[in-house]
Amino acid sequence: MSEMSTVWSNTMRAIIGATFFAVALTAMASPADAQGTCQRLWVERNSIYKAAGYCFNTPRGVRYFGNAGCSYDNVRDVPLSDSDRSRIAQIVAQERSIGCN
């Protein structure tokens, strides 16, 4: 391999490595970003339940949504459409993947 090829090869490796590192850093959320994402996911998921008449049992749920007009104490009894159930499953998977409480 010529000296020019070696320089070119090393330069390309450095560029690819730096690009990979930058992409990896961008993909990693800070704890504050993850917390904000967890909060948004929690609100979206529980908004679906609230709209369907769920009565919240946790202090956090009652504080945020209240229980005015609720009809269902058990989350399993809440009548949800297939699309609502699907979206909730997606949200739960997202919450698990980023380590939400």
PDB file of N, CA and C in Angstrom:
ATOM      1  N   MET A   1       0.853  -1.165   0.000  1.00  0.00           N
ATOM      2  CA  MET A   1       0.000   0.000   0.000  1.00  0.00           C
ATOM      3  C   MET A   1       0.899   1.229   0.000  1.00  0.00           C
ATOM      4  N   SER A   2       0.573   2.179  -0.842  1.00  0.00           N
ATOM      5  CA  SER A   2       1.387   3.386  -0.927  1.00  0.00           C
ATOM      6  C   SER A   2       1.130   4.275   0.284  1.00  0.00           C
ATOM      7  N   GLU A   3       2.055   5.206   0.472  1.00  0.00           N
ATOM      8  CA  GLU A   3       1.920   6.130   1.602  1.00  0.00           C
ATOM      9  C   GLU A   3       0.638   6.941   1.480  1.00  0.00           C
ATOM     10  N   MET A   4       0.286   7.357   0.262  1.00  0.00           N
ATOM     11  CA  MET A   4      -0.935   8.137   0.036  1.00  0.00           C
ATOM     12  C   MET A   4      -2.170   7.303   0.367  1.00  0.00           C
ATOM     13  N   SER A   5      -2.164   6.031  -0.009  1.00  0.00           N
ATOM     14  CA  SER A   5      -3.295   5.144   0.301  1.00  0.00           C
ATOM     15  C   SER A   5      -3.439   4.955   1.796  1.00  0.00           C
ATOM     16  N   THR A   6      -2.318   4.832   2.491  1.00  0.00           N
ATOM     17  CA  THR A   6      -2.347   4.665   3.939  1.00  0.00           C
ATOM     18  C   THR A   6      -2.920   5.908   4.615  1.00  0.00           C
ATOM     19  N   VAL A   7      -2.476   7.077   4.172  1.00  0.00           N
ATOM     20  CA  VAL A   7      -2.989   8.337   4.721  1.00  0.00           C
ATOM     21  C   VAL A   7      -4.485   8.441   4.463  1.00  0.00           C
ATOM     22  N   TRP A   8      -4.890   8.141   3.227  1.00  0.00           N
ATOM     23  CA  TRP A   8      -6.308   8.203   2.852  1.00  0.00           C
ATOM     24  C   TRP A   8      -7.121   7.220   3.701  1.00  0.00           C
ATOM     25  N   SER A   9      -6.642   6.016   3.864  1.00  0.00           N
ATOM     26  CA  SER A   9      -7.332   4.992   4.633  1.00  0.00           C
ATOM     27  C   SER A   9      -7.469   5.416   6.100  1.00  0.00           C
ATOM     28  N   ASN A  10      -6.396   5.933   6.679  1.00  0.00           N
ATOM     29  CA  ASN A  10      -6.440   6.388   8.069  1.00  0.00           C
ATOM     30  C   ASN A  10      -7.381   7.577   8.229  1.00  0.00           C
ATOM     31  N   THR A  11      -7.376   8.478   7.254  1.00  0.00           N
ATOM     32  CA  THR A  11      -8.270   9.640   7.301  1.00  0.00           C
ATOM     33  C   THR A  11      -9.726   9.192   7.250  1.00  0.00           C
ATOM     34  N   MET A  12     -10.020   8.253   6.369  1.00  0.00           N
ATOM     35  CA  MET A  12     -11.400   7.759   6.255  1.00  0.00           C
ATOM     36  C   MET A  12     -11.831   7.053   7.537  1.00  0.00           C
ATOM     37  N   ARG A  13     -10.939   6.270   8.128  1.00  0.00           N
ATOM     38  CA  ARG A  13     -11.265   5.606   9.403  1.00  0.00           C
ATOM     39  C   ARG A  13     -11.576   6.641  10.479  1.00  0.00           C
ATOM     40  N   ALA A  14     -10.785   7.697  10.529  1.00  0.00           N
ATOM     41  CA  ALA A  14     -10.997   8.752  11.523  1.00  0.00           C
ATOM     42  C   ALA A  14     -12.332   9.448  11.298  1.00  0.00           C
ATOM     43  N   ILE A  15     -12.652   9.733  10.048  1.00  0.00           N
ATOM     44  CA  ILE A  15     -13.923  10.396   9.729  1.00  0.00           C
ATOM     45  C   ILE A  15     -15.096   9.497  10.090  1.00  0.00           C
ATOM     46  N   ILE A  16     -15.015   8.232   9.721  1.00  0.00           N
ATOM     47  CA  ILE A  16     -16.098   7.290  10.021  1.00  0.00           C
ATOM     48  C   ILE A  16     -16.245   7.128  11.533  1.00  0.00           C
ATOM     49  N   GLY A  17     -15.115   7.018  12.227  1.00  0.00           N
ATOM     50  CA  GLY A  17     -15.162   6.885  13.685  1.00  0.00           C
ATOM     51  C   GLY A  17     -15.772   8.100  14.349  1.00  0.00           C
ATOM     52  N   ALA A  18     -15.385   9.286  13.900  1.00  0.00           N
ATOM     53  CA  ALA A  18     -15.926  10.527  14.470  1.00  0.00           C
ATOM     54  C   ALA A  18     -17.418  10.647  14.184  1.00  0.00           C
ATOM     55  N   THR A  19     -17.823  10.266  12.990  1.00  0.00           N
ATOM     56  CA  THR A  19     -19.239  10.319  12.625  1.00  0.00           C
ATOM     57  C   THR A  19     -20.044   9.367  13.499  1.00  0.00           C
ATOM     58  N   PHE A  20     -19.546   8.148  13.663  1.00  0.00           N
ATOM     59  CA  PHE A  20     -20.225   7.170  14.508  1.00  0.00           C
ATOM     60  C   PHE A  20     -20.352   7.693  15.932  1.00  0.00           C
ATOM     61  N   PHE A  21     -19.284   8.260  16.459  1.00  0.00           N
ATOM     62  CA  PHE A  21     -19.291   8.801  17.821  1.00  0.00           C
ATOM     63  C   PHE A  21     -20.317   9.916  17.959  1.00  0.00           C
ATOM     64  N   ALA A  22     -20.385  10.814  16.977  1.00  0.00           N
ATOM     65  CA  ALA A  22     -21.339  11.924  17.017  1.00  0.00           C
ATOM     66  C   ALA A  22     -22.775  11.415  16.977  1.00  0.00           C
ATOM     67  N   VAL A  23     -23.028  10.423  16.137  1.00  0.00           N
ATOM     68  CA  VAL A  23     -24.375   9.848  16.044  1.00  0.00           C
ATOM     69  C   VAL A  23     -24.743   9.175  17.361  1.00  0.00           C
ATOM     70  N   ALA A  24     -23.803   8.447  17.939  1.00  0.00           N
ATOM     71  CA  ALA A  24     -24.063   7.759  19.210  1.00  0.00           C
ATOM     72  C   ALA A  24     -24.368   8.761  20.314  1.00  0.00           C
ATOM     73  N   LEU A  25     -23.630   9.852  20.379  1.00  0.00           N
ATOM     74  CA  LEU A  25     -23.885  10.877  21.400  1.00  0.00           C
ATOM     75  C   LEU A  25     -25.250  11.517  21.213  1.00  0.00           C
ATOM     76  N   THR A  26     -25.629  11.755  19.968  1.00  0.00           N
ATOM     77  CA  THR A  26     -26.924  12.357  19.681  1.00  0.00           C
ATOM     78  C   THR A  26     -28.052  11.431  20.095  1.00  0.00           C
ATOM     79  N   ALA A  27     -27.856  10.134  19.894  1.00  0.00           N
ATOM     80  CA  ALA A  27     -28.901   9.160  20.201  1.00  0.00           C
ATOM     81  C   ALA A  27     -29.075   8.967  21.704  1.00  0.00           C
ATOM     82  N   MET A  28     -28.036   9.241  22.465  1.00  0.00           N
ATOM     83  CA  MET A  28     -28.119   9.067  23.915  1.00  0.00           C
ATOM     84  C   MET A  28     -28.792  10.277  24.532  1.00  0.00           C
ATOM     85  N   ALA A  29     -29.873  10.026  25.248  1.00  0.00           N
ATOM     86  CA  ALA A  29     -30.585  11.131  25.892  1.00  0.00           C
ATOM     87  C   ALA A  29     -29.976  11.391  27.258  1.00  0.00           C
ATOM     88  N   SER A  30     -29.945  12.643  27.632  1.00  0.00           N
ATOM     89  CA  SER A  30     -29.494  12.987  28.979  1.00  0.00           C
ATOM     90  C   SER A  30     -30.584  12.558  29.953  1.00  0.00           C
ATOM     91  N   PRO A  31     -30.247  12.430  31.234  1.00  0.00           N
ATOM     92  CA  PRO A  31     -31.280  12.080  32.219  1.00  0.00           C
ATOM     93  C   PRO A  31     -32.467  13.047  32.202  1.00  0.00           C
ATOM     94  N   ALA A  32     -32.187  14.328  32.001  1.00  0.00           N
ATOM     95  CA  ALA A  32     -33.283  15.308  31.956  1.00  0.00           C
ATOM     96  C   ALA A  32     -34.156  15.078  30.722  1.00  0.00           C
ATOM     97  N   ASP A  33     -33.527  14.773  29.581  1.00  0.00           N
ATOM     98  CA  ASP A  33     -34.298  14.485  28.364  1.00  0.00           C
ATOM     99  C   ASP A  33     -35.153  13.243  28.557  1.00  0.00           C
ATOM    100  N   ALA A  34     -34.557  12.203  29.143  1.00  0.00           N
ATOM    101  CA  ALA A  34     -35.295  10.959  29.376  1.00  0.00           C
ATOM    102  C   ALA A  34     -36.458  11.206  30.329  1.00  0.00           C
ATOM    103  N   GLN A  35     -36.235  12.009  31.374  1.00  0.00           N
ATOM    104  CA  GLN A  35     -37.298  12.304  32.326  1.00  0.00           C
ATOM    105  C   GLN A  35     -38.444  13.032  31.640  1.00  0.00           C
ATOM    106  N   GLY A  36     -38.113  13.998  30.783  1.00  0.00           N
ATOM    107  CA  GLY A  36     -39.149  14.721  30.038  1.00  0.00           C
ATOM    108  C   GLY A  36     -39.912  13.808  29.101  1.00  0.00           C
ATOM    109  N   THR A  37     -39.186  12.900  28.456  1.00  0.00           N
ATOM    110  CA  THR A  37     -39.829  11.943  27.563  1.00  0.00           C
ATOM    111  C   THR A  37     -40.734  11.011  28.352  1.00  0.00           C
ATOM    112  N   CYS A  38     -40.252  10.551  29.489  1.00  0.00           N
ATOM    113  CA  CYS A  38     -41.071   9.682  30.343  1.00  0.00           C
ATOM    114  C   CYS A  38     -42.356  10.388  30.766  1.00  0.00           C
ATOM    115  N   GLN A  39     -42.238  11.640  31.138  1.00  0.00           N
ATOM    116  CA  GLN A  39     -43.419  12.409  31.539  1.00  0.00           C
ATOM    117  C   GLN A  39     -44.406  12.526  30.379  1.00  0.00           C
ATOM    118  N   ARG A  40     -43.913  12.851  29.196  1.00  0.00           N
ATOM    119  CA  ARG A  40     -44.801  12.978  28.030  1.00  0.00           C
ATOM    120  C   ARG A  40     -45.491  11.660  27.707  1.00  0.00           C
ATOM    121  N   LEU A  41     -44.737  10.565  27.778  1.00  0.00           N
ATOM    122  CA  LEU A  41     -45.330   9.252  27.510  1.00  0.00           C
ATOM    123  C   LEU A  41     -46.371   8.901  28.565  1.00  0.00           C
ATOM    124  N   TRP A  42     -46.071   9.182  29.835  1.00  0.00           N
ATOM    125  CA  TRP A  42     -47.005   8.909  30.922  1.00  0.00           C
ATOM    126  C   TRP A  42     -48.305   9.687  30.712  1.00  0.00           C
ATOM    127  N   VAL A  43     -48.184  10.960  30.359  1.00  0.00           N
ATOM    128  CA  VAL A  43     -49.374  11.789  30.130  1.00  0.00           C
ATOM    129  C   VAL A  43     -50.163  11.260  28.938  1.00  0.00           C
ATOM    130  N   GLU A  44     -49.497  10.933  27.853  1.00  0.00           N
ATOM    131  CA  GLU A  44     -50.213  10.426  26.672  1.00  0.00           C
ATOM    132  C   GLU A  44     -50.951   9.130  27.004  1.00  0.00           C
ATOM    133  N   ARG A  45     -50.253   8.202  27.650  1.00  0.00           N
ATOM    134  CA  ARG A  45     -50.866   6.907  27.987  1.00  0.00           C
ATOM    135  C   ARG A  45     -52.069   7.099  28.903  1.00  0.00           C
ATOM    136  N   ASN A  46     -51.897   7.874  29.944  1.00  0.00           N
ATOM    137  CA  ASN A  46     -52.979   8.054  30.905  1.00  0.00           C
ATOM    138  C   ASN A  46     -54.090   8.956  30.393  1.00  0.00           C
ATOM    139  N   SER A  47     -53.804   9.804  29.433  1.00  0.00           N
ATOM    140  CA  SER A  47     -54.865  10.610  28.800  1.00  0.00           C
ATOM    141  C   SER A  47     -55.843   9.709  28.058  1.00  0.00           C
ATOM    142  N   ILE A  48     -55.337   8.638  27.484  1.00  0.00           N
ATOM    143  CA  ILE A  48     -56.217   7.674  26.802  1.00  0.00           C
ATOM    144  C   ILE A  48     -57.151   7.039  27.824  1.00  0.00           C
ATOM    145  N   TYR A  49     -56.584   6.617  28.955  1.00  0.00           N
ATOM    146  CA  TYR A  49     -57.420   6.027  30.005  1.00  0.00           C
ATOM    147  C   TYR A  49     -58.418   7.043  30.563  1.00  0.00           C
ATOM    148  N   LYS A  50     -57.982   8.270  30.796  1.00  0.00           N
ATOM    149  CA  LYS A  50     -58.864   9.315  31.335  1.00  0.00           C
ATOM    150  C   LYS A  50     -60.045   9.545  30.399  1.00  0.00           C
ATOM    151  N   ALA A  51     -59.764   9.640  29.099  1.00  0.00           N
ATOM    152  CA  ALA A  51     -60.825   9.888  28.111  1.00  0.00           C
ATOM    153  C   ALA A  51     -61.840   8.747  28.075  1.00  0.00           C
ATOM    154  N   ALA A  52     -61.409   7.557  28.474  1.00  0.00           N
ATOM    155  CA  ALA A  52     -62.300   6.393  28.465  1.00  0.00           C
ATOM    156  C   ALA A  52     -62.992   6.177  29.808  1.00  0.00           C
ATOM    157  N   GLY A  53     -62.720   7.062  30.798  1.00  0.00           N
ATOM    158  CA  GLY A  53     -63.453   6.994  32.053  1.00  0.00           C
ATOM    159  C   GLY A  53     -62.767   6.302  33.203  1.00  0.00           C
ATOM    160  N   TYR A  54     -61.460   6.134  33.128  1.00  0.00           N
ATOM    161  CA  TYR A  54     -60.730   5.463  34.204  1.00  0.00           C
ATOM    162  C   TYR A  54     -60.643   6.354  35.443  1.00  0.00           C
ATOM    163  N   CYS A  55     -60.810   5.726  36.628  1.00  0.00           N
ATOM    164  CA  CYS A  55     -60.644   6.406  37.913  1.00  0.00           C
ATOM    165  C   CYS A  55     -59.237   6.108  38.414  1.00  0.00           C
ATOM    166  N   PHE A  56     -58.428   7.121  38.511  1.00  0.00           N
ATOM    167  CA  PHE A  56     -57.030   6.932  38.901  1.00  0.00           C
ATOM    168  C   PHE A  56     -56.921   6.598  40.375  1.00  0.00           C
ATOM    169  N   ASN A  57     -55.978   5.700  40.673  1.00  0.00           N
ATOM    170  CA  ASN A  57     -55.761   5.235  42.045  1.00  0.00           C
ATOM    171  C   ASN A  57     -54.491   5.794  42.660  1.00  0.00           C
ATOM    172  N   THR A  58     -53.541   6.174  41.841  1.00  0.00           N
ATOM    173  CA  THR A  58     -52.273   6.673  42.383  1.00  0.00           C
ATOM    174  C   THR A  58     -52.382   8.165  42.667  1.00  0.00           C
ATOM    175  N   PRO A  59     -51.659   8.634  43.677  1.00  0.00           N
ATOM    176  CA  PRO A  59     -51.675  10.070  43.963  1.00  0.00           C
ATOM    177  C   PRO A  59     -51.270  10.905  42.740  1.00  0.00           C
ATOM    178  N   ARG A  60     -50.284  10.423  41.997  1.00  0.00           N
ATOM    179  CA  ARG A  60     -49.831  11.160  40.809  1.00  0.00           C
ATOM    180  C   ARG A  60     -50.951  11.275  39.777  1.00  0.00           C
ATOM    181  N   GLY A  61     -51.644  10.170  39.511  1.00  0.00           N
ATOM    182  CA  GLY A  61     -52.726  10.173  38.534  1.00  0.00           C
ATOM    183  C   GLY A  61     -53.885  11.058  38.966  1.00  0.00           C
ATOM    184  N   VAL A  62     -54.265  10.961  40.239  1.00  0.00           N
ATOM    185  CA  VAL A  62     -55.367  11.785  40.754  1.00  0.00           C
ATOM    186  C   VAL A  62     -54.989  13.258  40.711  1.00  0.00           C
ATOM    187  N   ARG A  63     -53.747  13.575  41.111  1.00  0.00           N
ATOM    188  CA  ARG A  63     -53.278  14.965  41.095  1.00  0.00           C
ATOM    189  C   ARG A  63     -53.301  15.541  39.679  1.00  0.00           C
ATOM    190  N   TYR A  64     -52.825  14.755  38.723  1.00  0.00           N
ATOM    191  CA  TYR A  64     -52.688  15.279  37.358  1.00  0.00           C
ATOM    192  C   TYR A  64     -54.027  15.306  36.618  1.00  0.00           C
ATOM    193  N   PHE A  65     -54.805  14.212  36.722  1.00  0.00           N
ATOM    194  CA  PHE A  65     -56.027  14.085  35.927  1.00  0.00           C
ATOM    195  C   PHE A  65     -57.305  14.299  36.718  1.00  0.00           C
ATOM    196  N   GLY A  66     -57.264  14.073  38.027  1.00  0.00           N
ATOM    197  CA  GLY A  66     -58.495  14.110  38.801  1.00  0.00           C
ATOM    198  C   GLY A  66     -59.344  12.888  38.495  1.00  0.00           C
ATOM    199  N   ASN A  67     -60.446  12.771  39.187  1.00  0.00           N
ATOM    200  CA  ASN A  67     -61.341  11.635  38.952  1.00  0.00           C
ATOM    201  C   ASN A  67     -62.772  12.066  38.650  1.00  0.00           C
ATOM    202  N   ALA A  68     -62.956  13.335  38.338  1.00  0.00           N
ATOM    203  CA  ALA A  68     -64.301  13.804  38.002  1.00  0.00           C
ATOM    204  C   ALA A  68     -64.819  13.068  36.769  1.00  0.00           C
ATOM    205  N   GLY A  69     -66.014  12.533  36.886  1.00  0.00           N
ATOM    206  CA  GLY A  69     -66.649  11.861  35.758  1.00  0.00           C
ATOM    207  C   GLY A  69     -66.104  10.483  35.443  1.00  0.00           C
ATOM    208  N   CYS A  70     -65.288   9.932  36.315  1.00  0.00           N
ATOM    209  CA  CYS A  70     -64.733   8.609  36.030  1.00  0.00           C
ATOM    210  C   CYS A  70     -65.760   7.522  36.317  1.00  0.00           C
ATOM    211  N   SER A  71     -65.571   6.358  35.683  1.00  0.00           N
ATOM    212  CA  SER A  71     -66.530   5.267  35.828  1.00  0.00           C
ATOM    213  C   SER A  71     -65.903   3.922  36.133  1.00  0.00           C
ATOM    214  N   TYR A  72     -64.606   3.763  35.879  1.00  0.00           N
ATOM    215  CA  TYR A  72     -63.960   2.450  35.969  1.00  0.00           C
ATOM    216  C   TYR A  72     -62.786   2.486  36.938  1.00  0.00           C
ATOM    217  N   ASP A  73     -62.922   1.700  38.025  1.00  0.00           N
ATOM    218  CA  ASP A  73     -61.845   1.622  39.011  1.00  0.00           C
ATOM    219  C   ASP A  73     -60.738   0.670  38.588  1.00  0.00           C
ATOM    220  N   ASN A  74     -61.065  -0.328  37.808  1.00  0.00           N
ATOM    221  CA  ASN A  74     -60.089  -1.312  37.362  1.00  0.00           C
ATOM    222  C   ASN A  74     -59.700  -1.003  35.921  1.00  0.00           C
ATOM    223  N   VAL A  75     -58.411  -0.862  35.688  1.00  0.00           N
ATOM    224  CA  VAL A  75     -57.922  -0.509  34.347  1.00  0.00           C
ATOM    225  C   VAL A  75     -58.347  -1.554  33.305  1.00  0.00           C
ATOM    226  N   ARG A  76     -58.526  -2.808  33.741  1.00  0.00           N
ATOM    227  CA  ARG A  76     -58.935  -3.870  32.805  1.00  0.00           C
ATOM    228  C   ARG A  76     -60.373  -3.705  32.329  1.00  0.00           C
ATOM    229  N   ASP A  77     -61.165  -2.963  33.088  1.00  0.00           N
ATOM    230  CA  ASP A  77     -62.572  -2.765  32.730  1.00  0.00           C
ATOM    231  C   ASP A  77     -62.790  -1.581  31.783  1.00  0.00           C
ATOM    232  N   VAL A  78     -61.767  -0.778  31.576  1.00  0.00           N
ATOM    233  CA  VAL A  78     -61.904   0.426  30.749  1.00  0.00           C
ATOM    234  C   VAL A  78     -62.121   0.016  29.296  1.00  0.00           C
ATOM    235  N   PRO A  79     -63.223   0.477  28.696  1.00  0.00           N
ATOM    236  CA  PRO A  79     -63.478   0.122  27.288  1.00  0.00           C
ATOM    237  C   PRO A  79     -62.570   0.942  26.361  1.00  0.00           C
ATOM    238  N   LEU A  80     -61.654   0.248  25.705  1.00  0.00           N
ATOM    239  CA  LEU A  80     -60.724   0.899  24.793  1.00  0.00           C
ATOM    240  C   LEU A  80     -60.843   0.302  23.395  1.00  0.00           C
ATOM    241  N   SER A  81     -60.642   1.140  22.402  1.00  0.00           N
ATOM    242  CA  SER A  81     -60.635   0.647  21.021  1.00  0.00           C
ATOM    243  C   SER A  81     -59.342  -0.124  20.774  1.00  0.00           C
ATOM    244  N   ASP A  82     -59.326  -0.887  19.699  1.00  0.00           N
ATOM    245  CA  ASP A  82     -58.107  -1.609  19.337  1.00  0.00           C
ATOM    246  C   ASP A  82     -56.946  -0.648  19.095  1.00  0.00           C
ATOM    247  N   SER A  83     -57.242   0.499  18.495  1.00  0.00           N
ATOM    248  CA  SER A  83     -56.162   1.460  18.229  1.00  0.00           C
ATOM    249  C   SER A  83     -55.641   2.064  19.535  1.00  0.00           C
ATOM    250  N   ASP A  84     -56.538   2.303  20.501  1.00  0.00           N
ATOM    251  CA  ASP A  84     -56.091   2.799  21.812  1.00  0.00           C
ATOM    252  C   ASP A  84     -55.218   1.758  22.513  1.00  0.00           C
ATOM    253  N   ARG A  85     -55.651   0.508  22.487  1.00  0.00           N
ATOM    254  CA  ARG A  85     -54.867  -0.560  23.107  1.00  0.00           C
ATOM    255  C   ARG A  85     -53.499  -0.702  22.431  1.00  0.00           C
ATOM    256  N   SER A  86     -53.479  -0.581  21.131  1.00  0.00           N
ATOM    257  CA  SER A  86     -52.228  -0.671  20.389  1.00  0.00           C
ATOM    258  C   SER A  86     -51.292   0.475  20.758  1.00  0.00           C
ATOM    259  N   ARG A  87     -51.841   1.692  20.821  1.00  0.00           N
ATOM    260  CA  ARG A  87     -51.010   2.849  21.167  1.00  0.00           C
ATOM    261  C   ARG A  87     -50.487   2.729  22.590  1.00  0.00           C
ATOM    262  N   ILE A  88     -51.319   2.266  23.521  1.00  0.00           N
ATOM    263  CA  ILE A  88     -50.873   2.077  24.895  1.00  0.00           C
ATOM    264  C   ILE A  88     -49.731   1.065  24.937  1.00  0.00           C
ATOM    265  N   ALA A  89     -49.852  -0.021  24.195  1.00  0.00           N
ATOM    266  CA  ALA A  89     -48.784  -1.029  24.151  1.00  0.00           C
ATOM    267  C   ALA A  89     -47.493  -0.425  23.606  1.00  0.00           C
ATOM    268  N   GLN A  90     -47.603   0.426  22.587  1.00  0.00           N
ATOM    269  CA  GLN A  90     -46.415   1.093  22.031  1.00  0.00           C
ATOM    270  C   GLN A  90     -45.779   2.006  23.075  1.00  0.00           C
ATOM    271  N   ILE A  91     -46.606   2.749  23.779  1.00  0.00           N
ATOM    272  CA  ILE A  91     -46.101   3.674  24.801  1.00  0.00           C
ATOM    273  C   ILE A  91     -45.399   2.899  25.913  1.00  0.00           C
ATOM    274  N   VAL A  92     -46.032   1.821  26.378  1.00  0.00           N
ATOM    275  CA  VAL A  92     -45.432   1.009  27.444  1.00  0.00           C
ATOM    276  C   VAL A  92     -44.075   0.468  26.991  1.00  0.00           C
ATOM    277  N   ALA A  93     -43.997   0.022  25.744  1.00  0.00           N
ATOM    278  CA  ALA A  93     -42.714  -0.474  25.216  1.00  0.00           C
ATOM    279  C   ALA A  93     -41.670   0.634  25.194  1.00  0.00           C
ATOM    280  N   GLN A  94     -42.067   1.834  24.792  1.00  0.00           N
ATOM    281  CA  GLN A  94     -41.142   2.973  24.800  1.00  0.00           C
ATOM    282  C   GLN A  94     -40.687   3.292  26.221  1.00  0.00           C
ATOM    283  N   GLU A  95     -41.633   3.305  27.139  1.00  0.00           N
ATOM    284  CA  GLU A  95     -41.301   3.602  28.535  1.00  0.00           C
ATOM    285  C   GLU A  95     -40.290   2.595  29.081  1.00  0.00           C
ATOM    286  N   ARG A  96     -40.497   1.343  28.775  1.00  0.00           N
ATOM    287  CA  ARG A  96     -39.571   0.293  29.232  1.00  0.00           C
ATOM    288  C   ARG A  96     -38.195   0.467  28.577  1.00  0.00           C
ATOM    289  N   SER A  97     -38.192   0.775  27.292  1.00  0.00           N
ATOM    290  CA  SER A  97     -36.916   0.850  26.580  1.00  0.00           C
ATOM    291  C   SER A  97     -36.027   1.986  27.073  1.00  0.00           C
ATOM    292  N   ILE A  98     -36.620   3.052  27.606  1.00  0.00           N
ATOM    293  CA  ILE A  98     -35.796   4.156  28.112  1.00  0.00           C
ATOM    294  C   ILE A  98     -35.732   4.180  29.639  1.00  0.00           C
ATOM    295  N   GLY A  99     -36.342   3.179  30.268  1.00  0.00           N
ATOM    296  CA  GLY A  99     -36.226   3.034  31.715  1.00  0.00           C
ATOM    297  C   GLY A  99     -37.087   3.942  32.537  1.00  0.00           C
ATOM    298  N   CYS A 100     -38.268   4.254  32.046  1.00  0.00           N
ATOM    299  CA  CYS A 100     -39.187   5.084  32.821  1.00  0.00           C
ATOM    300  C   CYS A 100     -39.692   4.304  34.049  1.00  0.00           C
ATOM    301  N   ASN A 101     -39.988   5.037  35.118  1.00  0.00           N
ATOM    302  CA  ASN A 101     -40.527   4.413  36.337  1.00  0.00           C
ATOM    303  C   ASN A 101     -41.984   4.080  36.153  1.00  0.00           C
TER     304      ASN A 101
END
